[in-house]
Amino acid sequence: MLSHRLIRSAGAFLVLGVAIGIYMGVAQDFRFVHVHVHINLLGWTALGLAGLLYAVYPHLQRGWLPAAHYWLHTVG
């Protein structure tokens, strides 16, 4: 199901965002703070909320638009 794929992808973005944050904190190198924020906000938060929305309202997963939403959001 699309909702499960969205939530799993959001979890992957969470792990990646936390890893970048830990690296920046340990190395005191904050050049990639914008990447860290982008991955956490759009990757983890927005993708996770979309996954929960599709899980609560499964009829929204029908058609080609939800699949396009997933791929455009993930690649973007």
C-alpha atoms as a PDB file:
ATOM      1  CA  MET A   1       0.000   0.000   0.000  1.00  0.00           C
ATOM      2  CA  LEU A   2       1.056   3.528  -0.701  1.00  0.00           C
ATOM      3  CA  SER A   3       0.568   4.678   2.888  1.00  0.00           C
ATOM      4  CA  HIS A   4       3.032   2.049   4.149  1.00  0.00           C
ATOM      5  CA  ARG A   5       5.576   3.053   1.495  1.00  0.00           C
ATOM      6  CA  LEU A   6       5.241   6.719   2.481  1.00  0.00           C
ATOM      7  CA  ILE A   7       5.708   5.970   6.172  1.00  0.00           C
ATOM      8  CA  ARG A   8       8.729   3.715   5.521  1.00  0.00           C
ATOM      9  CA  SER A   9      10.288   6.406   3.329  1.00  0.00           C
ATOM     10  CA  ALA A  10       9.633   8.986   6.039  1.00  0.00           C
ATOM     11  CA  GLY A  11      11.454   6.733   8.509  1.00  0.00           C
ATOM     12  CA  ALA A  12      14.421   6.493   6.151  1.00  0.00           C
ATOM     13  CA  PHE A  13      14.503  10.287   5.849  1.00  0.00           C
ATOM     14  CA  LEU A  14      14.355  10.551   9.655  1.00  0.00           C
ATOM     15  CA  VAL A  15      17.397   8.310  10.041  1.00  0.00           C
ATOM     16  CA  LEU A  16      19.270  10.268   7.364  1.00  0.00           C
ATOM     17  CA  GLY A  17      18.344  13.652   8.873  1.00  0.00           C
ATOM     18  CA  VAL A  18      19.356  12.586  12.376  1.00  0.00           C
ATOM     19  CA  ALA A  19      22.656  11.184  11.067  1.00  0.00           C
ATOM     20  CA  ILE A  20      23.453  14.475   9.341  1.00  0.00           C
ATOM     21  CA  GLY A  21      22.520  16.381  12.514  1.00  0.00           C
ATOM     22  CA  ILE A  22      24.741  14.186  14.660  1.00  0.00           C
ATOM     23  CA  TYR A  23      27.629  14.610  12.212  1.00  0.00           C
ATOM     24  CA  MET A  24      27.234  18.387  12.233  1.00  0.00           C
ATOM     25  CA  GLY A  25      27.116  18.487  16.022  1.00  0.00           C
ATOM     26  CA  VAL A  26      30.144  16.263  16.516  1.00  0.00           C
ATOM     27  CA  ALA A  27      32.257  17.905  13.825  1.00  0.00           C
ATOM     28  CA  GLN A  28      31.013  21.448  14.617  1.00  0.00           C
ATOM     29  CA  ASP A  29      30.616  21.825  10.837  1.00  0.00           C
ATOM     30  CA  PHE A  30      27.290  23.479  10.077  1.00  0.00           C
ATOM     31  CA  ARG A  31      27.682  23.952   6.327  1.00  0.00           C
ATOM     32  CA  PHE A  32      24.910  21.455   5.621  1.00  0.00           C
ATOM     33  CA  VAL A  33      22.311  22.774   8.044  1.00  0.00           C
ATOM     34  CA  HIS A  34      19.966  23.616   5.158  1.00  0.00           C
ATOM     35  CA  VAL A  35      20.180  20.011   3.915  1.00  0.00           C
ATOM     36  CA  HIS A  36      19.503  18.737   7.432  1.00  0.00           C
ATOM     37  CA  VAL A  37      16.426  20.969   7.808  1.00  0.00           C
ATOM     38  CA  HIS A  38      15.118  20.135   4.322  1.00  0.00           C
ATOM     39  CA  ILE A  39      15.416  16.382   4.891  1.00  0.00           C
ATOM     40  CA  ASN A  40      13.783  16.554   8.322  1.00  0.00           C
ATOM     41  CA  LEU A  41      10.945  18.917   7.425  1.00  0.00           C
ATOM     42  CA  LEU A  42      10.021  17.746   3.942  1.00  0.00           C
ATOM     43  CA  GLY A  43      11.329  14.205   4.106  1.00  0.00           C
ATOM     44  CA  TRP A  44      10.348  13.097   7.570  1.00  0.00           C
ATOM     45  CA  THR A  45       7.500  15.371   8.626  1.00  0.00           C
ATOM     46  CA  ALA A  46       5.612  16.030   5.391  1.00  0.00           C
ATOM     47  CA  LEU A  47       6.048  12.515   3.992  1.00  0.00           C
ATOM     48  CA  GLY A  48       5.023  10.971   7.308  1.00  0.00           C
ATOM     49  CA  LEU A  49       1.923  13.143   7.541  1.00  0.00           C
ATOM     50  CA  ALA A  50       0.972  12.262   3.967  1.00  0.00           C
ATOM     51  CA  GLY A  51       1.401   8.573   4.814  1.00  0.00           C
ATOM     52  CA  LEU A  52      -0.848   8.930   7.841  1.00  0.00           C
ATOM     53  CA  LEU A  53      -3.414  10.799   5.766  1.00  0.00           C
ATOM     54  CA  TYR A  54      -3.471   8.014   3.168  1.00  0.00           C
ATOM     55  CA  ALA A  55      -3.730   5.413   5.951  1.00  0.00           C
ATOM     56  CA  VAL A  56      -6.722   7.123   7.566  1.00  0.00           C
ATOM     57  CA  TYR A  57      -8.456   7.800   4.233  1.00  0.00           C
ATOM     58  CA  PRO A  58      -7.536   4.815   2.031  1.00  0.00           C
ATOM     59  CA  HIS A  59      -9.827   5.931  -0.790  1.00  0.00           C
ATOM     60  CA  LEU A  60      -7.337   8.755  -1.480  1.00  0.00           C
ATOM     61  CA  GLN A  61      -4.796   6.171  -2.671  1.00  0.00           C
ATOM     62  CA  ARG A  62      -6.730   5.383  -5.858  1.00  0.00           C
ATOM     63  CA  GLY A  63      -5.561   6.568  -9.245  1.00  0.00           C
ATOM     64  CA  TRP A  64      -2.262   7.765 -10.628  1.00  0.00           C
ATOM     65  CA  LEU A  65      -2.021  11.033  -8.688  1.00  0.00           C
ATOM     66  CA  PRO A  66      -1.043   9.511  -5.292  1.00  0.00           C
ATOM     67  CA  ALA A  67       1.753   7.505  -6.938  1.00  0.00           C
ATOM     68  CA  ALA A  68       2.957  10.663  -8.672  1.00  0.00           C
ATOM     69  CA  HIS A  69       2.799  12.454  -5.315  1.00  0.00           C
ATOM     70  CA  TYR A  70       5.025   9.809  -3.735  1.00  0.00           C
ATOM     71  CA  TRP A  71       7.654   9.813  -6.481  1.00  0.00           C
ATOM     72  CA  LEU A  72       7.780  13.581  -6.962  1.00  0.00           C
ATOM     73  CA  HIS A  73       7.993  14.205  -3.225  1.00  0.00           C
ATOM     74  CA  THR A  74      10.648  11.558  -2.651  1.00  0.00           C
ATOM     75  CA  VAL A  75      12.867  12.517  -5.592  1.00  0.00           C
ATOM     76  CA  GLY A  76      12.366  16.234  -5.013  1.00  0.00           C
END
